[in-house]
Amino acid sequence: MWVFIFLFGLAIGSFLNVCIYRIPREDLSIHSPRRSFCPECSEPISPYDNIPILSYLLLRGKCRHCKATISVLYPFVELATAGIFLFLYCRFGLTLEFLLALAFVSVLLPISVIDAQHYIIPNTLIATGAILGFGIVCTIAYQRADIWYLLIRLIGAIAGGMALWLVAVIGSAVLRKTAMGGGDIKLMALNGLFLGAWPELAMVIAFSAFSGAVVGTTLIVSGIKDRQSPIPYGPFLAGAAVLVLLWGDNLWRLYLQSVGWN
């Protein structure tokens, strides 16, 4: 089962690479052209050159046709997807919660990379995540005969969007410029749908704000960015959401113990 899930994760990661490249480009869709192609020479990639990880290694990171360098991002996304899928399997086992987590991560990964590269969070991915999440959440609620499970996630979606919208409004007023994009607000609503309301949303906001501040400060101090340079917030929201998804209960328990609440 471990091998199957790892190989399944590699395959999904390969598809996510297609989404990452094509979705931000208006002249392409994930359906057309049907075969992957080299971004440099536009030659279609043969099936035997499109095997996750293995083809990259055999081709030594270069296109078979034009010898252009293939970005290391491709095998990284494939390995990251497979690795996270294994973590989720260890955490949830073969359950509907595992399926919900797979859908969540499969949306968060391309969102993170696209936002880091293009400073956008595509509505296509948000909508896809919302449809998948709502469907699986409804199925879990039905299986458990627990309507509260569904309600708390709907509340989480509303609360998540409202919380980040409020942060965006206050931040824009203080900084006198756009502090946060609409895509971040939608992503936070998606986090609430998949994770629930309290304390999950509080932890996502806290972890993403802390990691974003650390990374942003480091980039500014090192001279890579200046104070006026935009820094995408989507990857920090996504990373915090995965952290809460995997270890949120333990982290919250540790926090309560640290402040003396039992």
Protein backbone atom coordinates (compact mmCIF):
# COMPACT_ATOMS: atom_id res chain seq x y z
CA MET A 1 0.00 0.00 0.00
CA TRP A 2 2.86 2.39 0.78
CA VAL A 3 4.37 1.78 -2.66
CA PHE A 4 1.01 2.22 -4.36
CA ILE A 5 0.31 5.51 -2.58
CA PHE A 6 3.80 6.79 -3.36
CA LEU A 7 3.42 5.95 -7.08
CA PHE A 8 -0.08 7.44 -7.07
CA GLY A 9 1.36 10.62 -5.54
CA LEU A 10 4.02 10.79 -8.26
CA ALA A 11 1.33 10.49 -10.94
CA ILE A 12 -0.81 13.21 -9.34
CA GLY A 13 2.29 15.36 -8.96
CA SER A 14 2.97 15.00 -12.68
CA PHE A 15 -0.57 16.19 -13.42
CA LEU A 16 -0.15 19.09 -10.99
CA ASN A 17 2.91 20.17 -12.98
CA VAL A 18 0.66 20.44 -16.03
CA CYS A 19 -1.77 22.58 -14.02
CA ILE A 20 1.04 24.79 -12.70
CA TYR A 21 2.34 25.51 -16.19
CA ARG A 22 -0.93 25.82 -18.10
CA ILE A 23 -3.50 27.39 -15.79
CA PRO A 24 -1.80 30.84 -15.57
CA ARG A 25 -1.50 30.95 -19.39
CA GLU A 26 -4.74 31.99 -21.04
CA ASP A 27 -3.81 30.42 -24.39
CA LEU A 28 -3.57 26.94 -22.85
CA SER A 29 -5.90 24.62 -20.96
CA ILE A 30 -5.21 21.50 -18.95
CA HIS A 31 -7.10 19.53 -21.64
CA SER A 32 -5.54 20.94 -24.80
CA PRO A 33 -3.09 20.04 -26.14
CA ARG A 34 -3.58 16.56 -24.73
CA ARG A 35 0.10 15.67 -24.67
CA SER A 36 2.71 17.51 -22.65
CA PHE A 37 5.28 19.49 -24.61
CA CYS A 38 8.64 21.15 -24.13
CA PRO A 39 8.18 24.83 -23.21
CA GLU A 40 11.25 25.74 -25.30
CA CYS A 41 10.85 23.84 -28.60
CA SER A 42 7.12 22.92 -28.26
CA GLU A 43 7.86 19.31 -29.27
CA PRO A 44 5.37 16.82 -27.79
CA ILE A 45 6.85 14.71 -25.02
CA SER A 46 6.73 10.97 -25.63
CA PRO A 47 5.09 8.81 -22.91
CA TYR A 48 8.44 7.17 -22.10
CA ASP A 49 9.92 10.63 -21.50
CA ASN A 50 7.06 11.61 -19.23
CA ILE A 51 7.54 9.10 -16.40
CA PRO A 52 7.69 10.98 -13.08
CA ILE A 53 11.22 11.37 -11.65
CA LEU A 54 12.66 8.52 -13.74
CA SER A 55 12.49 10.35 -17.08
CA TYR A 56 14.05 13.46 -15.54
CA LEU A 57 16.97 11.39 -14.27
CA LEU A 58 17.44 9.43 -17.51
CA LEU A 59 17.35 12.62 -19.60
CA ARG A 60 19.69 14.31 -17.11
CA GLY A 61 17.28 17.19 -16.75
CA LYS A 62 17.27 18.13 -20.46
CA CYS A 63 14.76 17.97 -23.30
CA ARG A 64 15.44 15.05 -25.64
CA HIS A 65 14.83 17.26 -28.71
CA CYS A 66 16.33 20.69 -28.05
CA LYS A 67 18.49 19.88 -24.99
CA ALA A 68 16.96 22.77 -23.07
CA THR A 69 17.25 22.45 -19.30
CA ILE A 70 14.15 21.07 -17.59
CA SER A 71 13.32 22.95 -14.41
CA VAL A 72 14.07 21.05 -11.21
CA LEU A 73 10.64 22.23 -10.07
CA TYR A 74 9.02 19.36 -12.01
CA PRO A 75 10.61 16.47 -10.06
CA PHE A 76 10.34 18.50 -6.86
CA VAL A 77 6.56 18.83 -7.19
CA GLU A 78 6.25 15.13 -7.99
CA LEU A 79 8.34 14.07 -5.00
CA ALA A 80 6.63 16.56 -2.69
CA THR A 81 3.21 15.29 -3.71
CA ALA A 82 4.19 11.65 -3.21
CA GLY A 83 5.83 12.40 0.14
CA ILE A 84 2.88 14.36 1.48
CA PHE A 85 0.48 11.63 0.31
CA LEU A 86 2.45 9.13 2.41
CA PHE A 87 2.31 11.44 5.44
CA LEU A 88 -1.46 11.74 4.99
CA TYR A 89 -1.80 7.96 4.75
CA CYS A 90 0.11 7.57 8.01
CA ARG A 91 -2.08 10.21 9.63
CA PHE A 92 -5.54 9.14 8.42
CA GLY A 93 -5.29 5.63 6.99
CA LEU A 94 -7.66 4.53 4.21
CA THR A 95 -10.58 6.72 5.24
CA LEU A 96 -12.75 9.44 3.81
CA GLU A 97 -10.70 11.89 5.85
CA PHE A 98 -7.66 10.66 3.88
CA LEU A 99 -9.52 11.37 0.64
CA LEU A 100 -10.43 14.86 1.88
CA ALA A 101 -6.79 15.53 2.78
CA LEU A 102 -5.59 14.30 -0.64
CA ALA A 103 -7.98 16.66 -2.40
CA PHE A 104 -6.89 19.55 -0.17
CA VAL A 105 -3.17 19.06 -0.74
CA SER A 106 -3.66 18.50 -4.47
CA VAL A 107 -5.19 21.98 -4.69
CA LEU A 108 -2.79 23.71 -2.29
CA LEU A 109 0.38 22.61 -4.10
CA PRO A 110 -0.37 24.20 -7.49
CA ILE A 111 -1.82 27.27 -5.77
CA SER A 112 1.44 27.75 -3.85
CA VAL A 113 3.69 27.40 -6.89
CA ILE A 114 1.52 29.56 -9.18
CA ASP A 115 1.24 32.31 -6.58
CA ALA A 116 5.01 32.23 -6.00
CA GLN A 117 5.68 32.47 -9.74
CA HIS A 118 2.89 34.75 -10.99
CA TYR A 119 1.46 36.45 -7.87
CA ILE A 120 -2.02 35.08 -8.61
CA ILE A 121 -4.28 32.44 -7.11
CA PRO A 122 -6.44 31.14 -9.98
CA ASN A 123 -10.18 30.99 -9.39
CA THR A 124 -10.17 27.67 -11.26
CA LEU A 125 -8.21 26.01 -8.47
CA ILE A 126 -10.26 27.66 -5.72
CA ALA A 127 -13.50 26.51 -7.37
CA THR A 128 -12.17 23.00 -7.92
CA GLY A 129 -11.11 22.77 -4.29
CA ALA A 130 -14.46 24.11 -3.07
CA ILE A 131 -16.44 21.58 -5.13
CA LEU A 132 -14.28 18.63 -4.08
CA GLY A 133 -14.15 19.74 -0.47
CA PHE A 134 -17.88 20.33 -0.13
CA GLY A 135 -18.69 16.99 -1.76
CA ILE A 136 -16.35 14.99 0.46
CA VAL A 137 -17.33 16.89 3.61
CA CYS A 138 -21.00 16.14 2.89
CA THR A 139 -20.15 12.46 2.40
CA ILE A 140 -18.26 12.31 5.71
CA ALA A 141 -21.12 14.07 7.52
CA TYR A 142 -23.58 11.57 6.03
CA GLN A 143 -21.38 8.60 6.96
CA ARG A 144 -21.08 9.83 10.54
CA ALA A 145 -24.69 11.00 10.72
CA ASP A 146 -23.22 14.21 12.10
CA ILE A 147 -24.64 17.41 10.63
CA TRP A 148 -22.39 19.45 12.92
CA TYR A 149 -19.36 18.19 10.98
CA LEU A 150 -20.77 19.85 7.87
CA LEU A 151 -21.93 23.00 9.64
CA ILE A 152 -18.58 23.66 11.35
CA ARG A 153 -16.82 23.53 7.99
CA LEU A 154 -19.32 25.83 6.35
CA ILE A 155 -18.84 28.19 9.28
CA GLY A 156 -15.08 27.79 8.83
CA ALA A 157 -15.31 28.77 5.17
CA ILE A 158 -17.27 31.92 5.99
CA ALA A 159 -15.15 32.80 9.03
CA GLY A 160 -11.89 32.19 7.15
CA GLY A 161 -12.84 34.46 4.29
CA MET A 162 -14.20 37.15 6.61
CA ALA A 163 -11.14 37.07 8.88
CA LEU A 164 -8.65 37.59 6.08
CA TRP A 165 -10.90 40.16 4.40
CA LEU A 166 -10.83 42.14 7.65
CA VAL A 167 -7.03 41.83 7.81
CA ALA A 168 -6.83 43.04 4.21
CA VAL A 169 -9.04 46.06 4.88
CA ILE A 170 -7.16 47.10 8.01
CA GLY A 171 -3.78 46.45 6.42
CA SER A 172 -4.66 48.50 3.34
CA ALA A 173 -5.83 51.39 5.52
CA VAL A 174 -2.64 51.35 7.61
CA LEU A 175 -0.20 50.82 4.75
CA ARG A 176 -2.17 52.98 2.26
CA LYS A 177 -1.77 50.31 -0.41
CA THR A 178 -3.26 46.92 -1.19
CA ALA A 179 -2.16 44.69 1.68
CA MET A 180 -3.61 41.42 0.45
CA GLY A 181 -5.16 40.10 -2.76
CA GLY A 182 -8.61 38.65 -3.20
CA GLY A 183 -7.09 35.28 -3.99
CA ASP A 184 -5.64 35.05 -0.46
CA ILE A 185 -9.09 35.72 1.00
CA LYS A 186 -10.63 32.96 -1.13
CA LEU A 187 -7.81 30.59 -0.17
CA MET A 188 -8.45 31.24 3.52
CA ALA A 189 -12.14 30.46 2.98
CA LEU A 190 -11.06 27.20 1.32
CA ASN A 191 -8.87 26.43 4.34
CA GLY A 192 -11.88 26.86 6.60
CA LEU A 193 -13.94 24.49 4.46
CA PHE A 194 -11.36 21.72 4.67
CA LEU A 195 -10.09 22.28 8.23
CA GLY A 196 -13.01 23.70 10.20
CA ALA A 197 -13.35 26.89 12.20
CA TRP A 198 -11.79 26.91 15.67
CA PRO A 199 -8.95 26.54 16.56
CA GLU A 200 -7.76 25.51 13.10
CA LEU A 201 -8.20 28.91 11.46
CA ALA A 202 -6.44 30.68 14.31
CA MET A 203 -3.44 28.39 13.93
CA VAL A 204 -3.34 28.86 10.14
CA ILE A 205 -3.36 32.65 10.52
CA ALA A 206 -0.72 32.56 13.26
CA PHE A 207 1.64 30.16 11.48
CA SER A 208 1.29 31.86 8.09
CA ALA A 209 1.81 35.33 9.56
CA PHE A 210 4.90 34.21 11.49
CA SER A 211 6.50 32.33 8.58
CA GLY A 212 5.65 35.12 6.15
CA ALA A 213 7.22 37.71 8.46
CA VAL A 214 10.39 35.64 8.90
CA VAL A 215 10.81 34.94 5.19
CA GLY A 216 9.90 38.49 4.17
CA THR A 217 12.33 40.03 6.65
CA THR A 218 15.08 37.66 5.52
CA LEU A 219 14.53 38.56 1.85
CA ILE A 220 14.60 42.28 2.62
CA VAL A 221 17.69 42.10 4.85
CA SER A 222 19.54 39.98 2.28
CA GLY A 223 18.72 42.50 -0.47
CA ILE A 224 16.75 40.03 -2.59
CA LYS A 225 13.60 42.09 -2.04
CA ASP A 226 12.97 45.66 -0.97
CA ARG A 227 10.21 46.98 1.23
CA GLN A 228 8.01 47.78 -1.76
CA SER A 229 8.38 44.39 -3.44
CA PRO A 230 5.29 42.16 -3.33
CA ILE A 231 5.64 38.88 -1.48
CA PRO A 232 3.03 36.21 -2.27
CA TYR A 233 1.11 35.16 0.82
CA GLY A 234 -0.54 32.09 -0.73
CA PRO A 235 2.40 29.71 -0.12
CA PHE A 236 2.47 30.65 3.57
CA LEU A 237 -1.28 30.10 3.94
CA ALA A 238 -1.00 26.76 2.15
CA GLY A 239 2.02 25.64 4.18
CA ALA A 240 0.31 26.57 7.44
CA ALA A 241 -2.83 24.72 6.36
CA VAL A 242 -0.87 21.52 5.66
CA LEU A 243 0.85 21.86 9.03
CA VAL A 244 -2.50 22.17 10.80
CA LEU A 245 -3.96 19.34 8.72
CA LEU A 246 -1.21 16.94 9.80
CA TRP A 247 -0.43 18.01 13.36
CA GLY A 248 -3.00 20.63 14.31
CA ASP A 249 -4.44 18.67 17.26
CA ASN A 250 -1.01 18.04 18.79
CA LEU A 251 0.13 21.62 18.26
CA TRP A 252 -3.01 23.01 19.88
CA ARG A 253 -2.64 20.62 22.82
CA LEU A 254 0.97 21.73 23.31
CA TYR A 255 -0.11 25.35 23.22
CA LEU A 256 -2.79 24.81 25.86
CA GLN A 257 -0.30 23.00 28.07
CA SER A 258 2.24 25.79 27.66
CA VAL A 259 -0.24 28.42 28.88
CA GLY A 260 -1.44 26.22 31.73
CA TRP A 261 -4.83 25.24 30.28
CA ASN A 262 -5.68 21.56 30.67
